[in-house]
């Protein structure tokens, strides 16, 4: 560790976060305020997301979707939506975002015809591990699984236009022209084109649907993801020339980062940015070394060497 020590804040001041790191052998929990690292013995799991006080994991077994309490990662995993005779898997949105109050779980059953399977999508409460309701599969098909909005209340219609979806899923209201690219709770990024096919990007206020004076991405062809709760927008392209950057839509600040990886279930693994938008954690060129950067200044404040190679994803969690 390059700052502080056991008992001292690693970043020079208390920040109120632990850093949860997935490694090749076991999760590691780094207390950034107390300068300690705790390895969870005997818990080879695949972290997927943090939802409230729970770490959502996959145990790489049929029906292996489960959760661990963040304050006791050595506990026995508790199944999520345990369905007899079926495999339950976490279904992230293309944005990779997770609402701390609900997650989507895909339940797959084999039918009598070996060539067919029955897949049902459920909305699940990660705090109880129980299903809230069956999701509207027709909606997913009609709208092309458009989860640009992490809360699944804002969608682009099949013929264009941006619509809000009621809580019941039975009612839609058109709120803007164009195509939804990404959103968070307060803002939505929409692409609209005129009769000459000249297209522009505009941030809209989700309360009034009026334009906002915020910075827009330069690349519209890649993946655009608002890091929920912050002003940071992930801009990423994949393939042989993969690249990625974080853009602060309020200030215009840009920071190049390592391209996101693909997780165990094939979803995009988002960069680890703290919920206040201040800190970024990344694996360095040395797989066992984690670097933490102050996004306010662009300065790398800390490098931490672990006992094992680190892998994505990583999460800042409340202390």
Protein backbone atom coordinates (compact mmCIF):
# COMPACT_ATOMS: atom_id res chain seq x y z
CA UNK A 1 0.00 0.00 0.00
CA UNK A 2 1.35 3.38 -0.96
CA UNK A 3 -0.30 5.57 1.67
CA UNK A 4 -1.29 5.38 5.30
CA UNK A 5 -1.16 1.97 6.94
CA UNK A 6 -3.15 -0.25 9.29
CA UNK A 7 -5.42 2.02 11.30
CA UNK A 8 -4.87 5.08 9.06
CA UNK A 9 -6.97 6.31 6.11
CA UNK A 10 -5.34 5.06 2.91
CA UNK A 11 -6.46 8.07 0.86
CA UNK A 12 -5.24 10.64 3.38
CA UNK A 13 -8.71 11.29 4.73
CA UNK A 14 -11.75 9.20 5.64
CA UNK A 15 -13.93 8.62 2.58
CA UNK A 16 -16.56 6.26 3.99
CA UNK A 17 -15.92 3.45 1.50
CA UNK A 18 -14.61 -0.07 1.39
CA UNK A 19 -13.34 -1.44 -1.91
CA UNK A 20 -14.63 -4.90 -2.75
CA UNK A 21 -12.27 -6.60 -5.20
CA UNK A 22 -12.83 -9.84 -7.05
CA UNK A 23 -9.63 -11.89 -7.29
CA UNK A 24 -8.66 -15.14 -8.98
CA UNK A 25 -9.10 -16.98 -5.70
CA UNK A 26 -11.43 -15.16 -3.33
CA UNK A 27 -13.00 -11.74 -2.75
CA UNK A 28 -10.94 -9.14 -0.91
CA UNK A 29 -12.45 -6.31 1.12
CA UNK A 30 -10.20 -3.27 1.53
CA UNK A 31 -11.18 -0.85 4.30
CA UNK A 32 -9.95 2.46 2.88
CA UNK A 33 -10.45 4.33 6.16
CA UNK A 34 -8.73 1.81 8.46
CA UNK A 35 -6.01 0.59 6.13
CA UNK A 36 -6.84 -3.11 6.34
CA UNK A 37 -7.45 -5.83 3.74
CA UNK A 38 -9.60 -8.83 4.56
CA UNK A 39 -9.60 -11.93 2.37
CA UNK A 40 -12.69 -14.13 2.48
CA UNK A 41 -11.48 -17.71 2.79
CA UNK A 42 -13.13 -20.54 0.93
CA UNK A 43 -15.56 -18.45 -1.08
CA UNK A 44 -14.80 -18.87 -4.78
CA UNK A 45 -17.67 -16.94 -6.26
CA UNK A 46 -18.26 -14.61 -9.19
CA UNK A 47 -19.38 -11.17 -7.97
CA UNK A 48 -22.01 -9.63 -10.25
CA UNK A 49 -23.36 -6.53 -8.53
CA UNK A 50 -23.97 -4.77 -5.25
CA UNK A 51 -27.61 -4.24 -4.29
CA UNK A 52 -28.18 -2.55 -0.94
CA UNK A 53 -26.44 -4.56 1.81
CA UNK A 54 -25.97 -7.57 -0.46
CA UNK A 55 -23.32 -8.77 -2.89
CA UNK A 56 -25.02 -10.56 -5.78
CA UNK A 57 -22.92 -13.56 -6.84
CA UNK A 58 -22.94 -16.48 -9.24
CA UNK A 59 -21.58 -19.79 -7.98
CA UNK A 60 -21.20 -21.20 -11.53
CA UNK A 61 -23.68 -23.98 -10.80
CA UNK A 62 -27.26 -24.53 -12.03
CA UNK A 63 -29.46 -22.17 -10.10
CA UNK A 64 -26.30 -20.68 -8.65
CA UNK A 65 -27.52 -17.11 -8.39
CA UNK A 66 -27.17 -16.09 -4.75
CA UNK A 67 -26.38 -13.22 -2.38
CA UNK A 68 -23.92 -12.62 0.41
CA UNK A 69 -24.25 -9.99 3.16
CA UNK A 70 -21.58 -7.35 2.64
CA UNK A 71 -20.84 -7.32 6.36
CA UNK A 72 -20.28 -11.10 6.43
CA UNK A 73 -18.87 -12.30 3.11
CA UNK A 74 -17.78 -15.57 4.72
CA UNK A 75 -21.41 -16.52 5.36
CA UNK A 76 -23.13 -19.26 3.40
CA UNK A 77 -24.58 -17.87 0.14
CA UNK A 78 -28.34 -17.42 0.22
CA UNK A 79 -30.15 -18.43 -3.00
CA UNK A 80 -32.04 -15.78 -4.92
CA UNK A 81 -35.45 -16.77 -6.18
CA UNK A 82 -34.73 -20.47 -5.71
CA UNK A 83 -36.91 -22.32 -8.23
CA UNK A 84 -37.11 -26.11 -8.13
CA UNK A 85 -36.34 -27.74 -11.46
CA UNK A 86 -35.14 -24.53 -13.10
CA UNK A 87 -31.99 -22.49 -13.51
CA UNK A 88 -32.17 -18.89 -12.30
CA UNK A 89 -29.65 -16.46 -13.76
CA UNK A 90 -29.08 -12.76 -13.27
CA UNK A 91 -30.12 -10.70 -16.28
CA UNK A 92 -28.38 -7.36 -16.38
CA UNK A 93 -29.36 -4.58 -18.71
CA UNK A 94 -26.92 -3.80 -21.53
CA UNK A 95 -25.93 -0.83 -19.40
CA UNK A 96 -24.96 -3.18 -16.59
CA UNK A 97 -26.85 -1.00 -14.14
CA UNK A 98 -28.48 -2.50 -11.08
CA UNK A 99 -31.31 -0.88 -9.17
CA UNK A 100 -30.60 -1.50 -5.45
CA UNK A 101 -34.29 -2.28 -4.93
CA UNK A 102 -34.97 -4.62 -7.85
CA UNK A 103 -33.07 -6.91 -10.18
CA UNK A 104 -34.14 -8.97 -13.18
CA UNK A 105 -33.82 -12.75 -12.96
CA UNK A 106 -34.29 -15.07 -15.91
CA UNK A 107 -35.74 -18.47 -14.99
CA UNK A 108 -35.14 -21.20 -17.57
CA UNK A 109 -36.98 -24.51 -17.61
CA UNK A 110 -36.54 -27.40 -20.01
CA UNK A 111 -39.78 -28.31 -21.79
CA UNK A 112 -40.91 -31.75 -22.87
CA UNK A 113 -39.39 -30.99 -26.26
CA UNK A 114 -35.59 -31.26 -25.72
CA UNK A 115 -35.02 -28.67 -28.44
CA UNK A 116 -37.05 -26.01 -26.62
CA UNK A 117 -36.76 -24.17 -23.35
CA UNK A 118 -39.19 -21.99 -21.45
CA UNK A 119 -37.71 -18.68 -20.29
CA UNK A 120 -39.53 -16.35 -17.92
CA UNK A 121 -38.28 -13.00 -16.70
CA UNK A 122 -39.02 -11.96 -13.11
CA UNK A 123 -38.50 -8.80 -11.12
CA UNK A 124 -36.84 -9.82 -7.85
CA UNK A 125 -36.25 -7.99 -4.58
CA UNK A 126 -32.56 -8.61 -3.73
CA UNK A 127 -33.18 -7.78 -0.05
CA UNK A 128 -35.55 -10.73 0.38
CA UNK A 129 -34.49 -12.84 -2.60
CA UNK A 130 -38.15 -13.23 -3.58
CA UNK A 131 -39.98 -12.44 -6.79
CA UNK A 132 -42.03 -9.25 -6.87
CA UNK A 133 -43.75 -9.78 -10.19
CA UNK A 134 -43.37 -11.44 -13.54
CA UNK A 135 -41.83 -8.99 -16.00
CA UNK A 136 -43.57 -8.14 -19.23
CA UNK A 137 -41.69 -10.33 -21.72
CA UNK A 138 -43.70 -8.85 -24.60
CA UNK A 139 -42.45 -5.42 -23.62
CA UNK A 140 -38.88 -6.67 -23.83
CA UNK A 141 -39.44 -8.04 -27.31
CA UNK A 142 -41.39 -5.05 -28.60
CA UNK A 143 -38.87 -2.53 -27.41
CA UNK A 144 -35.80 -4.55 -28.31
CA UNK A 145 -34.73 -5.06 -24.69
CA UNK A 146 -34.04 -1.34 -24.45
CA UNK A 147 -32.68 -0.94 -20.92
CA UNK A 148 -30.89 2.35 -21.47
CA UNK A 149 -32.82 3.44 -18.37
CA UNK A 150 -31.63 1.32 -15.41
CA UNK A 151 -35.04 1.50 -13.76
CA UNK A 152 -36.86 0.26 -16.88
CA UNK A 153 -39.37 3.13 -16.82
CA UNK A 154 -38.13 4.93 -19.94
CA UNK A 155 -38.10 3.25 -23.34
CA UNK A 156 -37.84 3.99 -27.06
CA UNK A 157 -40.86 2.93 -29.07
CA UNK A 158 -40.57 0.56 -32.06
CA UNK A 159 -41.17 3.50 -34.43
CA UNK A 160 -39.12 5.98 -32.44
CA UNK A 161 -39.99 8.42 -29.72
CA UNK A 162 -39.23 8.28 -26.00
CA UNK A 163 -41.94 6.98 -23.67
CA UNK A 164 -42.35 6.71 -19.92
CA UNK A 165 -43.76 3.44 -18.62
CA UNK A 166 -46.16 3.37 -15.68
CA UNK A 167 -45.34 1.31 -12.61
CA UNK A 168 -47.98 -1.22 -13.63
CA UNK A 169 -46.54 -1.49 -17.12
CA UNK A 170 -49.99 -0.94 -18.64
CA UNK A 171 -49.62 2.67 -19.70
CA UNK A 172 -47.11 4.62 -21.80
CA UNK A 173 -46.73 8.36 -22.33
CA UNK A 174 -44.68 9.91 -25.11
CA UNK A 175 -42.35 12.53 -23.62
CA UNK A 176 -39.85 13.32 -26.39
CA UNK A 177 -38.97 12.74 -30.02
CA UNK A 178 -35.92 10.74 -30.99
CA UNK A 179 -34.16 7.70 -29.58
CA UNK A 180 -33.11 7.08 -25.99
CA UNK A 181 -29.36 6.43 -25.64
CA UNK A 182 -28.85 6.38 -21.87
CA UNK A 183 -30.41 7.76 -18.70
CA UNK A 184 -30.26 8.01 -14.95
CA UNK A 185 -32.91 9.09 -12.44
CA UNK A 186 -32.71 12.78 -13.36
CA UNK A 187 -31.50 12.98 -16.97
CA UNK A 188 -31.95 11.28 -20.32
CA UNK A 189 -29.71 11.48 -23.39
CA UNK A 190 -31.74 11.49 -26.60
CA UNK A 191 -30.66 11.42 -30.23
CA UNK A 192 -32.93 13.21 -32.71
CA UNK A 193 -32.55 13.72 -36.47
CA UNK A 194 -34.09 16.25 -38.86
CA UNK A 195 -35.44 15.73 -42.39
CA UNK A 196 -31.90 15.89 -43.84
CA UNK A 197 -30.69 13.19 -41.42
CA UNK A 198 -28.61 15.65 -39.45
CA UNK A 199 -28.61 14.23 -35.94
CA UNK A 200 -27.92 15.84 -32.59
CA UNK A 201 -27.67 14.67 -28.98
CA UNK A 202 -29.52 16.45 -26.20
CA UNK A 203 -29.72 15.91 -22.45
CA UNK A 204 -33.29 16.24 -21.15
CA UNK A 205 -34.52 16.88 -17.63
CA UNK A 206 -36.70 13.88 -16.66
CA UNK A 207 -39.00 16.06 -14.57
CA UNK A 208 -39.82 18.69 -17.21
CA UNK A 209 -38.42 17.13 -20.42
CA UNK A 210 -36.72 20.43 -21.15
CA UNK A 211 -33.14 20.53 -22.56
CA UNK A 212 -30.21 20.68 -20.13
CA UNK A 213 -26.90 22.45 -20.75
CA UNK A 214 -24.68 19.40 -20.25
CA UNK A 215 -21.79 17.92 -22.21
CA UNK A 216 -22.64 15.23 -24.78
CA UNK A 217 -20.45 12.32 -25.92
CA UNK A 218 -18.29 12.60 -29.01
CA UNK A 219 -18.81 8.99 -30.13
CA UNK A 220 -22.40 7.90 -30.75
CA UNK A 221 -21.57 4.47 -32.15
CA UNK A 222 -20.22 2.88 -28.98
CA UNK A 223 -21.74 1.94 -25.66
CA UNK A 224 -22.96 4.87 -23.55
CA UNK A 225 -23.71 4.28 -19.87
CA UNK A 226 -24.45 6.76 -17.13
CA UNK A 227 -22.76 5.60 -13.94
CA UNK A 228 -25.84 5.74 -11.78
CA UNK A 229 -25.85 8.47 -9.15
CA UNK A 230 -22.86 10.37 -10.56
CA UNK A 231 -22.15 12.84 -13.39
CA UNK A 232 -19.85 10.36 -15.14
CA UNK A 233 -20.76 8.89 -18.53
CA UNK A 234 -18.92 5.80 -19.77
CA UNK A 235 -18.12 5.90 -23.49
CA UNK A 236 -16.79 2.58 -24.75
CA UNK A 237 -16.18 0.75 -28.01
CA UNK A 238 -15.36 -2.94 -28.26
CA UNK A 239 -13.46 -5.11 -30.70
CA UNK A 240 -9.81 -5.03 -31.86
CA UNK A 241 -9.60 -1.24 -31.35
CA UNK A 242 -11.40 -1.22 -28.00
CA UNK A 243 -11.17 1.98 -26.01
CA UNK A 244 -13.07 3.69 -23.24
CA UNK A 245 -13.28 6.97 -21.39
CA UNK A 246 -15.24 8.62 -18.64
CA UNK A 247 -16.82 11.99 -19.40
CA UNK A 248 -18.18 14.26 -16.68
CA UNK A 249 -21.33 15.65 -18.27
CA UNK A 250 -21.41 18.58 -15.84
CA UNK A 251 -17.81 19.79 -16.20
CA UNK A 252 -16.72 18.22 -19.50
CA UNK A 253 -13.70 16.55 -17.87
CA UNK A 254 -12.55 13.38 -19.69
CA UNK A 255 -10.43 10.52 -18.40
CA UNK A 256 -9.28 7.57 -20.51
CA UNK A 257 -9.70 4.21 -18.78
CA UNK A 258 -9.17 0.57 -19.59
CA UNK A 259 -11.95 -0.78 -21.85
CA UNK A 260 -14.65 -2.57 -19.84
CA UNK A 261 -14.50 -6.33 -19.66
CA UNK A 262 -17.26 -8.85 -20.14
CA UNK A 263 -18.51 -10.52 -17.00
CA UNK A 264 -19.22 -14.15 -16.20
CA UNK A 265 -22.72 -13.94 -17.69
CA UNK A 266 -21.61 -11.94 -20.71
CA UNK A 267 -22.76 -8.53 -19.50
CA UNK A 268 -20.53 -5.49 -19.56
CA UNK A 269 -18.52 -4.94 -16.38
CA UNK A 270 -18.67 -1.28 -15.43
CA UNK A 271 -15.68 0.63 -14.05
CA UNK A 272 -15.54 1.00 -10.28
CA UNK A 273 -16.52 4.60 -9.51
CA UNK A 274 -17.67 5.61 -6.02
CA UNK A 275 -21.26 6.73 -5.62
CA UNK A 276 -20.16 10.34 -5.00
CA UNK A 277 -18.28 10.33 -8.34
CA UNK A 278 -14.97 11.12 -6.62
CA UNK A 279 -12.91 7.92 -6.79
CA UNK A 280 -12.00 5.46 -9.57
CA UNK A 281 -10.45 2.03 -8.90
CA UNK A 282 -8.67 0.11 -11.68
CA UNK A 283 -6.46 -2.92 -12.10
CA UNK A 284 -3.03 -1.78 -13.32
CA UNK A 285 -0.65 -3.46 -15.77
CA UNK A 286 0.46 -5.52 -12.78
CA UNK A 287 -2.56 -7.81 -12.15
CA UNK A 288 -2.05 -7.83 -8.39
CA UNK A 289 -1.97 -4.04 -8.09
CA UNK A 290 -5.07 -1.83 -7.76
CA UNK A 291 -4.80 1.92 -8.40
CA UNK A 292 -7.27 4.43 -6.94
CA UNK A 293 -7.54 7.80 -8.69
CA UNK A 294 -9.07 11.04 -7.46
CA UNK A 295 -11.34 11.96 -10.37
CA UNK A 296 -11.56 15.54 -9.13
CA UNK A 297 -7.85 16.06 -9.83
CA UNK A 298 -6.90 13.13 -12.08
CA UNK A 299 -4.18 12.17 -9.58
CA UNK A 300 -3.52 8.55 -8.65
CA UNK A 301 -3.69 8.67 -4.87
CA UNK A 302 -3.02 5.07 -3.95
CA UNK A 303 -1.71 1.76 -5.25
CA UNK A 304 -2.57 -1.42 -3.36
CA UNK A 305 -0.80 -4.75 -3.91
CA UNK A 306 -2.96 -7.79 -3.27
CA UNK A 307 -1.99 -11.37 -2.48
CA UNK A 308 -3.68 -12.59 -5.67
CA UNK A 309 -4.39 -11.23 -9.14
CA UNK A 310 -7.41 -8.92 -9.22
CA UNK A 311 -10.21 -9.29 -11.74
CA UNK A 312 -13.25 -7.25 -12.61
CA UNK A 313 -15.70 -6.30 -11.28
CA UNK A 314 -14.78 -4.12 -8.30
CA UNK A 315 -17.20 -2.12 -6.16
CA UNK A 316 -17.01 0.80 -3.76
CA UNK A 317 -19.36 -0.05 -0.90
CA UNK A 318 -20.36 2.01 2.11
CA UNK A 319 -18.17 1.61 5.17
